[in-house]
Amino acid sequence: MENTELLRQVTERAQAWLSDSYDAETRAEVKRMLEADDKTELIESFYRDLEFGTGGLRGIMGAGTNRMNIYTVGAATQGLANYLHEAFADLPQISVVVGHDVRNNSRKFAEIVADIFSANGIKVYLFENFRPTPELSFAIRQLGCQSGVNITASHNPKEYNGYKAYWADGAQIIAPHDVNIIENVGKIKDVSEIKMKGNPDLIEIIGEDMDRKFLDAIKTLSLDPEVIKRNSDLKIVYTPIHGTGVKLIPDSLRKWGFTNIIHVPEQDIPSGDFPTVDSPNPENPSAMAMAIAKAKEVGADLVVASDPDADRIGCVIRDNNGEYQLINGNQIVMILLNYIMLRNRELGLLKGNEYVVKTIVTTETIKAIAENQNIKMYDCYTGFKWIAAVIRDLEGTSRYIGGGEESYGFLAEDFCRDKDSVSAISLMAEICAWAKDRGMDFNQMLMEIYLKNGYSHEEGVSVVRTGKSGAEEIQQMMKDFRQNPPKTLAGSPVTLIKDYADLNCRNLATGETTKMDFPATSNVLQFFTEDGSKVSVRPSGTEPKIKFYMEVHDKMANEADYARCNADAAKKIAALKKDLGI
């Protein structure tokens, strides 16, 4: 009976999409779904509305209320345009930047977004073609715009596309604007309320001039141009994995002085089908396989990659045995921040007001590096919009020198407010040259970091629970962890519990409870043990899963001790999983 009622509801919703308000292509697709014997696709496409969340939209492309298409994108843009008129009512001319990645339909969606903004009297700077996400953030600030939209689904599979909304500071939107925009988008009940007919006079195409300004700004981040001159022929294999990075990253490397950039020709081809990989995610070894094969062929010093919208970085270095090894997001952030802090000190640039930022689920080794360099470190929630919020709060009083998160994102600059693989890859290449100049390889430099600041190993596990019952199970898991927190983890007593839902930090050794200073609450729990282990637990905000971030620590006696540390860490991680029931 329940299935019959659901089918009746989705059929009714779908039939509304057969009206003349929708284009012929959409009507034909809906008609096909309605007439199909198997109603699965119809139900999936219409059983709910694709929600405009705090980060925007993300979903499978196709016709339907639960799909990415010109009408769901249109409603999001109309709602955002309405809110911009509320928020900036005193401005004579509101302006926005619109960009997109290489995905199928991205250009089409971007042009529709530009048309709707312009139809609402808003000035639009539309990129001429695909560009890295961080350049959109840069352009918003450069042009003094009030908002921006990027059409991208980051590293999701090819069936997906997305819609990221940005505010005047170039960062993705946070409170109160996120809630206000969601409210305005929710008010759009009919496609007739979406102003689709654009005003060409309000749309300005941008491209190469902005590229030049962006790359010029990134070049200022170089901390040792002389070391690059001495190692300009460093063998760097780079792959954009069919994405937007092909547009600027090789240019940035050349601008910094590197002359030996080795491409993976098959993956230089921009394509929303991502034909050479199962998933265009640089943290997956399979996505890096072609680049590693090229590195072995040429004897590369460094292998780097960017994801489809070029905000995240992948990196491969040689291990102790000379084998090419993918390093994780925590190690990428450690290497970049360690170098930036070290070079700033060597160059006499530290004035005492510098700081770095990491997310709460990112390795605590970064805190140790910052403390050893006597540099302030701030923790924030997962997502670069929160790193950007710290930068905004401290603007004018302190100097940001870098920040990152375990999910392969890093930002070295404050002239952009979203993670940036263009600057991160350029800096990685400089670090490789710097290490080589000191008679070290990248792996030896990583070992040096562990020897000075302590060894750490991190592992993430996502437990998927789909459907209504899955969501309830995840909710119950979080409730159980709060009501019955573990007393020990991997044999070590739990000494500290941080609950970001009420911002209480409980010291179990002293019985003291203190309040944490965060801009909002979040459904995240953290357990810290006597031996330095850390476990973070949080439900995903975008997928039907609960995420566990595990981190263990040790002391390395010397470089040869690394293998022992790895083996012990693997055992401890296994024990943590058992204690957590995952």
Protein backbone atom coordinates (compact mmCIF):
# COMPACT_ATOMS: atom_id res chain seq x y z
CA MET A 1 0.00 0.00 0.00
CA GLU A 2 2.84 2.33 0.91
CA ASN A 3 4.60 1.65 -2.43
CA THR A 4 1.32 2.26 -4.29
CA GLU A 5 0.91 5.63 -2.58
CA LEU A 6 4.55 6.58 -3.30
CA LEU A 7 4.12 5.67 -6.97
CA ARG A 8 0.93 7.72 -7.13
CA GLN A 9 2.71 10.73 -5.66
CA VAL A 10 5.75 10.56 -7.94
CA THR A 11 3.53 9.99 -10.98
CA GLU A 12 1.57 13.11 -10.12
CA ARG A 13 4.76 15.13 -9.67
CA ALA A 14 6.22 13.80 -12.91
CA GLN A 15 3.07 14.55 -14.92
CA ALA A 16 3.39 18.21 -13.90
CA TRP A 17 6.71 18.21 -15.80
CA LEU A 18 4.88 17.37 -19.04
CA SER A 19 3.45 20.90 -19.26
CA ASP A 20 4.66 23.50 -21.75
CA SER A 21 6.59 25.19 -18.92
CA TYR A 22 9.30 22.57 -19.51
CA ASP A 23 11.42 22.15 -22.64
CA ALA A 24 10.80 19.35 -25.16
CA GLU A 25 13.89 17.35 -24.15
CA THR A 26 12.83 17.29 -20.51
CA ARG A 27 9.24 16.36 -21.37
CA ALA A 28 10.47 13.46 -23.54
CA GLU A 29 12.69 12.14 -20.73
CA VAL A 30 9.85 12.33 -18.20
CA LYS A 31 7.45 10.65 -20.63
CA ARG A 32 9.91 7.78 -21.11
CA MET A 33 10.16 7.27 -17.33
CA LEU A 34 6.37 7.34 -16.92
CA GLU A 35 5.88 4.74 -19.65
CA ALA A 36 8.65 2.39 -18.50
CA ASP A 37 7.58 -0.89 -16.89
CA ASP A 38 10.27 -0.50 -14.23
CA LYS A 39 9.38 2.58 -12.17
CA THR A 40 12.65 2.70 -10.20
CA GLU A 41 14.11 5.59 -12.20
CA LEU A 42 10.84 7.52 -11.99
CA ILE A 43 10.70 7.13 -8.22
CA GLU A 44 14.37 8.06 -7.74
CA SER A 45 13.93 11.16 -9.92
CA PHE A 46 10.75 12.50 -8.31
CA TYR A 47 10.34 11.10 -4.79
CA ARG A 48 11.75 14.28 -3.25
CA ASP A 49 13.19 17.69 -4.12
CA LEU A 50 16.96 18.00 -4.57
CA GLU A 51 17.75 20.02 -1.47
CA PHE A 52 19.70 23.25 -1.53
CA GLY A 53 21.95 22.62 1.46
CA THR A 54 24.55 24.75 3.22
CA GLY A 55 27.00 24.11 0.37
CA GLY A 56 24.54 24.38 -2.51
CA LEU A 57 23.35 21.50 -4.69
CA ARG A 58 24.86 18.17 -5.67
CA GLY A 59 23.15 15.29 -7.43
CA ILE A 60 22.80 12.99 -10.42
CA MET A 61 21.98 14.79 -13.67
CA GLY A 62 18.64 14.17 -15.35
CA ALA A 63 14.98 15.22 -15.42
CA GLY A 64 13.11 15.35 -12.14
CA THR A 65 12.77 17.20 -8.86
CA ASN A 66 15.57 15.11 -7.31
CA ARG A 67 18.04 15.64 -10.16
CA MET A 68 20.50 18.29 -11.35
CA ASN A 69 18.88 19.98 -14.35
CA ILE A 70 18.19 23.45 -15.68
CA TYR A 71 15.07 23.78 -13.50
CA THR A 72 16.59 22.75 -10.15
CA VAL A 73 19.64 24.89 -10.98
CA GLY A 74 17.25 27.67 -12.03
CA ALA A 75 15.31 27.58 -8.77
CA ALA A 76 18.54 27.70 -6.75
CA THR A 77 19.76 30.71 -8.72
CA GLN A 78 16.45 32.56 -8.49
CA GLY A 79 16.40 32.03 -4.73
CA LEU A 80 20.00 33.24 -4.41
CA ALA A 81 19.23 36.27 -6.61
CA ASN A 82 16.23 37.15 -4.44
CA TYR A 83 18.36 36.96 -1.30
CA LEU A 84 21.14 39.07 -2.82
CA HIS A 85 18.58 41.81 -3.45
CA GLU A 86 17.58 41.60 0.23
CA ALA A 87 21.13 41.51 1.59
CA PHE A 88 22.51 44.28 -0.65
CA ALA A 89 19.41 46.42 -1.08
CA ASP A 90 21.48 49.63 -0.81
CA LEU A 91 23.91 48.73 -3.60
CA PRO A 92 23.20 50.38 -6.98
CA GLN A 93 24.60 47.32 -8.78
CA ILE A 94 24.99 43.82 -7.37
CA SER A 95 27.55 41.65 -9.16
CA VAL A 96 28.50 37.97 -9.18
CA VAL A 97 31.06 35.67 -10.79
CA VAL A 98 29.95 32.44 -12.48
CA GLY A 99 32.34 29.59 -13.29
CA HIS A 100 32.23 25.89 -14.06
CA ASP A 101 34.29 22.71 -14.40
CA VAL A 102 34.62 20.18 -17.27
CA ARG A 103 31.64 18.03 -16.37
CA ASN A 104 28.88 17.21 -18.82
CA ASN A 105 26.29 20.05 -18.82
CA SER A 106 28.51 22.33 -16.72
CA ARG A 107 28.77 25.02 -19.40
CA LYS A 108 25.04 24.80 -20.08
CA PHE A 109 24.19 25.17 -16.39
CA ALA A 110 26.68 28.05 -15.98
CA GLU A 111 25.13 29.98 -18.88
CA ILE A 112 21.63 29.45 -17.45
CA VAL A 113 22.84 30.71 -14.05
CA ALA A 114 24.30 33.80 -15.77
CA ASP A 115 21.04 34.39 -17.65
CA ILE A 116 18.92 34.18 -14.48
CA PHE A 117 21.17 36.52 -12.50
CA SER A 118 21.18 39.04 -15.35
CA ALA A 119 17.40 38.73 -15.74
CA ASN A 120 17.22 39.79 -12.10
CA GLY A 121 19.29 42.91 -12.78
CA ILE A 122 22.52 41.45 -11.39
CA LYS A 123 25.84 42.04 -13.18
CA VAL A 124 27.51 38.75 -14.14
CA TYR A 125 31.18 38.01 -14.81
CA LEU A 126 31.07 34.69 -16.65
CA PHE A 127 34.27 32.75 -17.28
CA GLU A 128 34.79 32.05 -20.98
CA ASN A 129 35.42 28.35 -20.35
CA PHE A 130 36.16 25.92 -17.51
CA ARG A 131 38.42 27.17 -14.72
CA PRO A 132 39.73 25.86 -11.35
CA THR A 133 37.38 26.49 -8.44
CA PRO A 134 39.96 28.60 -6.52
CA GLU A 135 40.13 31.07 -9.42
CA LEU A 136 36.41 31.76 -9.00
CA SER A 137 37.03 32.57 -5.33
CA PHE A 138 39.93 34.84 -6.35
CA ALA A 139 37.82 36.59 -9.02
CA ILE A 140 35.00 37.40 -6.56
CA ARG A 141 37.47 39.27 -4.38
CA GLN A 142 39.37 40.79 -7.31
CA LEU A 143 36.21 42.20 -8.91
CA GLY A 144 34.55 43.25 -5.65
CA CYS A 145 31.51 41.04 -6.23
CA GLN A 146 28.85 40.15 -3.68
CA SER A 147 28.54 36.47 -4.57
CA GLY A 148 29.53 33.74 -6.98
CA VAL A 149 28.43 30.35 -8.27
CA ASN A 150 30.58 27.49 -9.46
CA ILE A 151 29.06 24.56 -11.34
CA THR A 152 31.00 21.51 -10.18
CA ALA A 153 30.61 18.20 -8.38
CA SER A 154 34.28 18.10 -7.42
CA HIS A 155 35.54 14.49 -7.55
CA ASN A 156 32.14 12.77 -7.66
CA PRO A 157 31.43 10.14 -10.37
CA LYS A 158 30.63 11.35 -13.90
CA GLU A 159 26.83 11.08 -13.44
CA TYR A 160 26.91 13.95 -10.93
CA ASN A 161 27.02 17.70 -11.10
CA GLY A 162 26.78 20.38 -8.46
CA TYR A 163 26.27 24.02 -7.58
CA LYS A 164 28.53 25.80 -5.06
CA ALA A 165 27.49 29.20 -3.76
CA TYR A 166 30.03 31.80 -2.57
CA TRP A 167 29.77 35.07 -0.65
CA ALA A 168 31.52 38.43 -1.03
CA ASP A 169 34.69 37.32 0.78
CA GLY A 170 35.23 34.56 -1.81
CA ALA A 171 34.35 31.79 0.65
CA GLN A 172 31.57 29.25 0.49
CA ILE A 173 28.53 30.46 2.35
CA ILE A 174 28.05 30.05 6.12
CA ALA A 175 25.48 31.38 8.63
CA PRO A 176 23.41 33.45 8.51
CA HIS A 177 23.49 33.61 4.72
CA ASP A 178 23.27 29.84 4.16
CA VAL A 179 19.99 29.54 6.06
CA ASN A 180 18.56 32.67 4.44
CA ILE A 181 19.40 31.45 0.94
CA ILE A 182 17.90 28.00 1.65
CA GLU A 183 14.72 29.76 2.81
CA ASN A 184 14.57 31.85 -0.38
CA VAL A 185 15.19 28.84 -2.61
CA GLY A 186 12.40 26.97 -0.80
CA LYS A 187 9.96 29.74 -1.71
CA ILE A 188 10.33 29.01 -5.45
CA LYS A 189 7.33 26.73 -6.03
CA ASP A 190 6.87 26.94 -9.79
CA VAL A 191 9.18 27.30 -12.81
CA SER A 192 7.19 30.37 -13.85
CA GLU A 193 8.81 32.18 -10.90
CA ILE A 194 12.28 31.68 -12.42
CA LYS A 195 13.40 34.56 -14.66
CA MET A 196 15.12 32.60 -17.44
CA LYS A 197 15.45 35.29 -20.12
CA GLY A 198 18.87 36.80 -19.68
CA ASN A 199 20.04 40.37 -20.25
CA PRO A 200 23.21 40.18 -22.41
CA ASP A 201 24.13 43.76 -21.44
CA LEU A 202 24.71 42.58 -17.87
CA ILE A 203 26.89 39.57 -18.77
CA GLU A 204 30.64 40.16 -19.19
CA ILE A 205 32.94 37.35 -20.30
CA ILE A 206 36.22 37.05 -18.37
CA GLY A 207 39.21 34.78 -18.90
CA GLU A 208 42.87 35.32 -19.71
CA ASP A 209 43.29 38.62 -17.86
CA MET A 210 41.94 37.03 -14.67
CA ASP A 211 44.19 33.99 -15.26
CA ARG A 212 47.24 36.26 -15.41
CA LYS A 213 46.28 38.12 -12.22
CA PHE A 214 45.63 34.84 -10.41
CA LEU A 215 48.95 33.28 -11.48
CA ASP A 216 50.83 36.49 -10.65
CA ALA A 217 49.34 36.41 -7.15
CA ILE A 218 50.22 32.73 -6.71
CA LYS A 219 53.82 33.41 -7.78
CA THR A 220 54.19 35.71 -4.73
CA LEU A 221 53.87 32.60 -2.52
CA SER A 222 57.25 31.27 -3.61
CA LEU A 223 59.60 31.23 -0.62
CA ASP A 224 62.82 30.20 -2.38
CA PRO A 225 63.07 31.23 -6.06
CA GLU A 226 66.84 30.63 -5.99
CA VAL A 227 66.46 26.97 -5.10
CA ILE A 228 64.14 26.58 -8.10
CA LYS A 229 66.76 28.14 -10.37
CA ARG A 230 69.26 25.56 -9.17
CA ASN A 231 66.77 22.72 -9.71
CA SER A 232 64.68 24.02 -12.58
CA ASP A 233 64.91 20.69 -14.45
CA LEU A 234 63.26 18.73 -11.64
CA LYS A 235 61.19 15.96 -13.23
CA ILE A 236 57.57 16.68 -12.33
CA VAL A 237 54.79 14.42 -13.59
CA TYR A 238 51.42 16.20 -13.46
CA THR A 239 47.93 14.97 -14.29
CA PRO A 240 44.68 16.97 -14.16
CA ILE A 241 42.68 13.69 -14.38
CA HIS A 242 40.69 15.20 -17.30
CA GLY A 243 39.82 18.26 -15.20
CA THR A 244 40.25 22.02 -15.08
CA GLY A 245 43.79 21.94 -13.68
CA VAL A 246 45.18 21.50 -17.21
CA LYS A 247 44.27 25.13 -17.79
CA LEU A 248 46.53 26.76 -15.18
CA ILE A 249 48.70 24.34 -13.20
CA PRO A 250 51.37 23.69 -15.88
CA ASP A 251 51.45 27.46 -16.50
CA SER A 252 51.93 28.11 -12.79
CA LEU A 253 54.78 25.60 -12.54
CA ARG A 254 56.51 27.21 -15.52
CA LYS A 255 55.97 30.68 -14.04
CA TRP A 256 57.69 29.51 -10.85
CA GLY A 257 60.67 28.43 -12.95
CA PHE A 258 60.18 24.69 -13.51
CA THR A 259 61.05 23.58 -17.04
CA ASN A 260 60.59 19.82 -17.01
CA ILE A 261 56.85 19.26 -16.60
CA ILE A 262 55.90 15.81 -17.85
CA HIS A 263 52.30 15.28 -18.87
CA VAL A 264 50.07 12.21 -19.00
CA PRO A 265 48.68 12.97 -22.49
CA GLU A 266 45.59 10.76 -22.22
CA GLN A 267 44.51 12.57 -19.03
CA ASP A 268 45.23 16.07 -20.35
CA ILE A 269 42.03 15.78 -22.39
CA PRO A 270 39.23 17.67 -20.54
CA SER A 271 36.23 15.34 -20.33
CA GLY A 272 33.20 14.99 -18.11
CA ASP A 273 33.27 11.27 -18.83
CA PHE A 274 36.69 10.88 -17.13
CA PRO A 275 37.45 8.03 -19.58
CA THR A 276 40.73 6.72 -18.09
CA VAL A 277 39.60 6.36 -14.45
CA ASP A 278 36.79 4.74 -12.49
CA SER A 279 36.68 7.75 -10.17
CA PRO A 280 38.44 11.11 -10.76
CA ASN A 281 39.64 11.29 -7.16
CA PRO A 282 43.40 11.86 -6.66
CA GLU A 283 43.33 10.20 -3.24
CA ASN A 284 42.53 6.85 -4.93
CA PRO A 285 45.59 4.88 -6.10
CA SER A 286 43.70 3.77 -9.23
CA ALA A 287 43.21 7.39 -10.33
CA MET A 288 46.97 7.96 -10.03
CA ALA A 289 48.01 4.74 -11.80
CA MET A 290 48.75 6.31 -15.19
CA ALA A 291 50.75 9.14 -13.63
CA ILE A 292 52.77 6.65 -11.56
CA ALA A 293 53.44 4.57 -14.67
CA LYS A 294 54.71 7.71 -16.41
CA ALA A 295 56.86 8.53 -13.36
CA LYS A 296 58.48 5.09 -13.47
CA GLU A 297 59.11 5.52 -17.19
CA VAL A 298 60.92 8.86 -16.81
CA GLY A 299 62.32 8.53 -13.26
CA ALA A 300 60.27 11.45 -11.93
CA ASP A 301 61.22 13.32 -8.75
CA LEU A 302 57.61 14.19 -7.97
CA VAL A 303 54.12 13.14 -9.09
CA VAL A 304 51.21 15.54 -8.52
CA ALA A 305 47.55 15.61 -9.53
CA SER A 306 44.47 17.76 -9.15
CA ASP A 307 40.83 16.68 -9.01
CA PRO A 308 38.29 17.74 -11.70
CA ASP A 309 37.70 21.25 -10.32
CA ALA A 310 41.35 21.62 -9.27
CA ASP A 311 40.83 22.46 -5.63
CA ARG A 312 42.26 19.21 -4.18
CA ILE A 313 45.77 17.86 -4.61
CA GLY A 314 47.14 14.33 -4.93
CA CYS A 315 50.84 13.63 -4.40
CA VAL A 316 53.15 10.64 -4.93
CA ILE A 317 56.72 10.39 -3.60
CA ARG A 318 59.39 7.67 -3.55
CA ASP A 319 59.49 5.62 -0.36
CA ASN A 320 62.56 4.10 1.36
CA ASN A 321 62.68 1.34 -1.26
CA GLY A 322 62.51 3.77 -4.17
CA GLU A 323 58.90 2.80 -4.93
CA TYR A 324 56.34 5.46 -5.81
CA GLN A 325 53.96 5.83 -2.89
CA LEU A 326 50.76 7.92 -2.61
CA ILE A 327 50.87 10.08 0.52
CA ASN A 328 47.68 10.94 2.35
CA GLY A 329 45.97 14.27 2.91
CA ASN A 330 47.34 14.66 6.43
CA GLN A 331 50.90 14.17 5.18
CA ILE A 332 50.35 16.68 2.37
CA VAL A 333 49.22 19.33 4.87
CA MET A 334 52.10 18.48 7.24
CA ILE A 335 54.72 18.84 4.49
CA LEU A 336 53.31 22.11 3.16
CA LEU A 337 52.84 23.78 6.56
CA ASN A 338 56.20 22.57 7.87
CA TYR A 339 57.96 24.13 4.87
CA ILE A 340 56.01 27.39 5.02
CA MET A 341 56.70 27.85 8.74
CA LEU A 342 60.35 26.85 8.42
CA ARG A 343 61.07 29.15 5.46
CA ASN A 344 59.22 32.08 7.02
CA ARG A 345 61.48 31.70 10.05
CA GLU A 346 64.66 31.36 7.94
CA LEU A 347 63.74 34.46 5.93
CA GLY A 348 63.04 36.52 9.06
CA LEU A 349 59.40 37.05 8.07
CA LEU A 350 57.87 36.03 11.40
CA LYS A 351 56.59 39.00 13.40
CA GLY A 352 54.75 37.03 16.08
CA ASN A 353 51.23 37.40 14.67
CA GLU A 354 51.33 34.53 12.16
CA TYR A 355 48.96 31.57 12.38
CA VAL A 356 47.94 28.35 10.63
CA VAL A 357 44.60 26.53 10.56
CA LYS A 358 43.56 22.90 10.42
CA THR A 359 40.22 21.14 10.72
CA ILE A 360 39.40 19.22 13.91
CA VAL A 361 39.66 15.83 12.15
CA THR A 362 43.09 16.61 10.68
CA THR A 363 46.24 15.21 12.34
CA GLU A 364 47.41 16.66 15.66
CA THR A 365 51.00 16.43 14.38
CA ILE A 366 50.35 19.80 12.73
CA LYS A 367 49.74 21.25 16.19
CA ALA A 368 53.12 19.85 17.28
CA ILE A 369 54.86 21.38 14.23
CA ALA A 370 53.28 24.78 14.94
CA GLU A 371 54.17 24.64 18.64
CA ASN A 372 57.78 23.74 17.82
CA GLN A 373 57.90 26.76 15.50
CA ASN A 374 56.14 28.94 18.12
CA ILE A 375 53.33 29.71 15.67
CA LYS A 376 49.66 29.90 16.65
CA MET A 377 47.37 27.16 15.35
CA TYR A 378 43.57 27.26 15.15
CA ASP A 379 41.19 24.32 14.85
CA CYS A 380 37.94 24.63 12.89
CA TYR A 381 35.16 22.43 11.56
CA THR A 382 35.53 20.25 8.47
CA GLY A 383 35.31 22.24 5.22
CA PHE A 384 37.23 25.17 3.84
CA LYS A 385 34.41 27.60 4.48
CA TRP A 386 35.38 27.30 8.16
CA ILE A 387 39.07 27.92 7.46
CA ALA A 388 37.95 30.97 5.47
CA ALA A 389 35.86 32.09 8.45
CA VAL A 390 38.96 32.06 10.69
CA ILE A 391 40.86 34.11 8.08
CA ARG A 392 38.00 36.61 7.94
CA ASP A 393 37.79 36.91 11.74
CA LEU A 394 41.54 37.56 12.07
CA GLU A 395 41.92 39.79 9.02
CA GLY A 396 43.87 42.95 9.77
CA THR A 397 45.27 41.71 13.08
CA SER A 398 47.09 38.45 12.24
CA ARG A 399 48.82 36.95 9.18
CA TYR A 400 47.52 33.71 7.74
CA ILE A 401 50.33 31.55 6.34
CA GLY A 402 48.48 28.34 5.51
CA GLY A 403 45.78 25.85 6.35
CA GLY A 404 44.49 22.48 5.31
CA GLU A 405 42.36 19.43 5.94
CA GLU A 406 42.86 15.67 5.80
CA SER A 407 40.68 15.39 2.69
CA TYR A 408 43.52 16.58 0.41
CA GLY A 409 42.76 20.28 0.54
CA PHE A 410 45.24 23.09 1.22
CA LEU A 411 45.24 26.88 1.01
CA ALA A 412 48.51 28.79 1.17
CA GLU A 413 47.09 32.26 0.50
CA ASP A 414 44.44 34.65 1.76
CA PHE A 415 43.71 36.29 -1.60
CA CYS A 416 41.64 33.19 -2.33
CA ARG A 417 39.24 31.67 0.23
CA ASP A 418 38.81 28.09 -0.94
CA LYS A 419 41.24 25.20 -1.15
CA ASP A 420 43.64 25.64 -4.05
CA SER A 421 45.61 22.94 -5.85
CA VAL A 422 47.23 25.51 -8.18
CA SER A 423 49.21 27.10 -5.35
CA ALA A 424 49.57 23.82 -3.41
CA ILE A 425 51.12 21.98 -6.38
CA SER A 426 53.43 24.91 -7.14
CA LEU A 427 54.60 24.90 -3.52
CA MET A 428 55.01 21.10 -3.51
CA ALA A 429 57.32 21.38 -6.49
CA GLU A 430 59.35 24.09 -4.72
CA ILE A 431 59.57 21.90 -1.59
CA CYS A 432 60.84 19.01 -3.71
CA ALA A 433 63.52 21.31 -5.19
CA TRP A 434 64.38 22.61 -1.69
CA ALA A 435 64.79 19.06 -0.34
CA LYS A 436 66.92 18.04 -3.31
CA ASP A 437 69.10 21.10 -2.79
CA ARG A 438 69.74 19.89 0.77
CA GLY A 439 70.72 16.44 -0.47
CA MET A 440 67.43 14.90 0.61
CA ASP A 441 64.56 13.24 -1.21
CA PHE A 442 60.93 13.88 -0.35
CA ASN A 443 60.67 10.75 1.79
CA GLN A 444 63.69 11.73 3.90
CA MET A 445 62.10 15.13 4.48
CA LEU A 446 58.90 13.44 5.67
CA MET A 447 60.96 11.28 8.02
CA GLU A 448 62.62 14.43 9.37
CA ILE A 449 59.18 15.86 10.19
CA TYR A 450 58.25 12.69 12.11
CA LEU A 451 61.58 12.64 13.98
CA LYS A 452 61.20 16.27 15.10
CA ASN A 453 57.47 16.30 15.82
CA GLY A 454 56.50 12.70 16.52
CA TYR A 455 55.17 9.94 14.31
CA SER A 456 51.47 9.77 13.46
CA HIS A 457 49.29 7.49 11.39
CA GLU A 458 45.75 8.29 10.34
CA GLU A 459 42.97 6.18 8.88
CA GLY A 460 39.37 6.93 7.99
CA VAL A 461 36.43 4.53 7.86
CA SER A 462 32.98 5.34 6.48
CA VAL A 463 30.10 3.12 7.58
CA VAL A 464 27.26 3.33 5.04
CA ARG A 465 23.66 3.00 6.21
CA THR A 466 21.12 3.79 3.49
CA GLY A 467 17.44 4.71 3.60
CA LYS A 468 15.20 5.84 6.45
CA SER A 469 16.25 2.94 8.70
CA GLY A 470 19.92 3.70 7.96
CA ALA A 471 19.52 7.35 8.95
CA GLU A 472 17.87 6.24 12.21
CA GLU A 473 20.69 3.76 12.86
CA ILE A 474 23.32 6.48 12.38
CA GLN A 475 21.40 8.75 14.75
CA GLN A 476 21.26 5.94 17.32
CA MET A 477 25.01 5.28 16.98
CA MET A 478 25.77 8.91 17.81
CA LYS A 479 23.31 8.76 20.74
CA ASP A 480 24.96 5.60 22.07
CA PHE A 481 28.46 7.11 21.84
CA ARG A 482 27.22 10.11 23.84
CA GLN A 483 25.35 8.14 26.48
CA ASN A 484 27.93 5.34 26.81
CA PRO A 485 31.29 6.73 25.69
CA PRO A 486 34.18 4.27 25.55
CA LYS A 487 36.30 4.17 28.72
CA THR A 488 39.33 2.78 26.87
CA LEU A 489 40.34 2.65 23.21
CA ALA A 490 42.99 0.20 21.97
CA GLY A 491 43.94 -0.46 25.59
CA SER A 492 44.50 3.18 26.54
CA PRO A 493 42.16 5.12 28.89
CA VAL A 494 40.01 7.85 27.31
CA THR A 495 41.06 11.07 29.07
CA LEU A 496 39.24 13.77 27.10
CA ILE A 497 35.88 13.93 25.28
CA LYS A 498 34.94 16.83 23.03
CA ASP A 499 31.28 17.06 22.01
CA TYR A 500 30.71 19.74 19.42
CA ALA A 501 26.91 19.33 19.67
CA ASP A 502 26.99 21.27 22.95
CA LEU A 503 30.60 22.53 22.75
CA ASN A 504 31.51 20.81 26.02
CA CYS A 505 35.05 19.53 26.55
CA ARG A 506 35.20 16.97 29.40
CA ASN A 507 38.50 16.16 31.05
CA LEU A 508 37.90 12.71 32.54
CA ALA A 509 41.10 12.83 34.59
CA THR A 510 40.16 16.02 36.47
CA GLY A 511 36.38 15.91 36.08
CA GLU A 512 36.49 19.46 34.70
CA THR A 513 34.16 20.54 31.86
CA THR A 514 35.01 23.60 29.78
CA LYS A 515 33.30 25.31 26.85
CA MET A 516 34.96 25.26 23.43
CA ASP A 517 35.11 28.42 21.35
CA PHE A 518 33.45 27.58 18.02
CA PRO A 519 31.09 29.72 15.90
CA ALA A 520 28.35 27.06 15.82
CA THR A 521 27.52 23.61 17.13
CA SER A 522 28.07 20.46 15.06
CA ASN A 523 27.21 16.78 15.41
CA VAL A 524 30.79 15.65 16.01
CA LEU A 525 32.32 13.65 18.88
CA GLN A 526 36.02 13.27 19.65
CA PHE A 527 37.76 10.91 22.06
CA PHE A 528 41.39 11.45 23.14
CA THR A 529 43.35 8.74 24.95
CA GLU A 530 46.22 8.73 27.41
CA ASP A 531 48.65 7.43 24.76
CA GLY A 532 47.81 10.26 22.33
CA SER A 533 45.30 8.52 20.06
CA LYS A 534 42.37 10.53 18.71
CA VAL A 535 39.05 9.26 17.33
CA SER A 536 36.56 11.60 15.66
CA VAL A 537 33.02 10.48 14.80
CA ARG A 538 30.54 12.39 12.69
CA PRO A 539 27.62 11.66 10.36
CA SER A 540 28.19 12.85 6.78
CA GLY A 541 26.17 15.92 5.85
CA THR A 542 25.80 14.86 2.22
CA GLU A 543 25.82 11.05 2.15
CA PRO A 544 24.13 8.19 4.09
CA LYS A 545 27.18 7.35 6.16
CA ILE A 546 28.85 7.87 9.51
CA LYS A 547 32.56 8.70 9.40
CA PHE A 548 35.28 7.61 11.82
CA TYR A 549 38.68 9.37 11.77
CA MET A 550 41.34 7.46 13.72
CA GLU A 551 44.77 8.80 14.57
CA VAL A 552 47.58 7.14 16.54
CA HIS A 553 50.95 8.49 17.66
CA ASP A 554 54.39 7.15 18.45
CA LYS A 555 58.01 8.26 18.86
CA MET A 556 60.52 7.49 16.11
CA ALA A 557 64.05 6.83 17.33
CA ASN A 558 65.55 7.15 13.87
CA GLU A 559 64.60 6.83 10.20
CA ALA A 560 64.93 3.04 10.32
CA ASP A 561 62.33 2.98 13.10
CA TYR A 562 59.62 4.09 10.62
CA ALA A 563 58.78 0.49 9.61
CA ARG A 564 58.31 -0.50 13.26
CA CYS A 565 56.07 2.54 13.86
CA ASN A 566 53.94 1.62 10.83
CA ALA A 567 53.52 -1.97 12.00
CA ASP A 568 52.57 -0.91 15.53
CA ALA A 569 50.18 1.73 14.17
CA ALA A 570 48.40 -0.87 12.00
CA LYS A 571 47.82 -3.05 15.09
CA LYS A 572 46.54 -0.11 17.10
CA ILE A 573 44.18 1.03 14.32
CA ALA A 574 42.81 -2.53 14.13
CA ALA A 575 42.23 -2.45 17.91
CA LEU A 576 40.47 0.93 17.63
CA LYS A 577 38.16 -0.43 14.93
CA LYS A 578 37.28 -3.41 17.12
CA ASP A 579 36.55 -1.21 20.15
CA LEU A 580 34.40 1.12 18.02
CA GLY A 581 32.52 -1.79 16.47
CA ILE A 582 33.41 -0.93 12.89
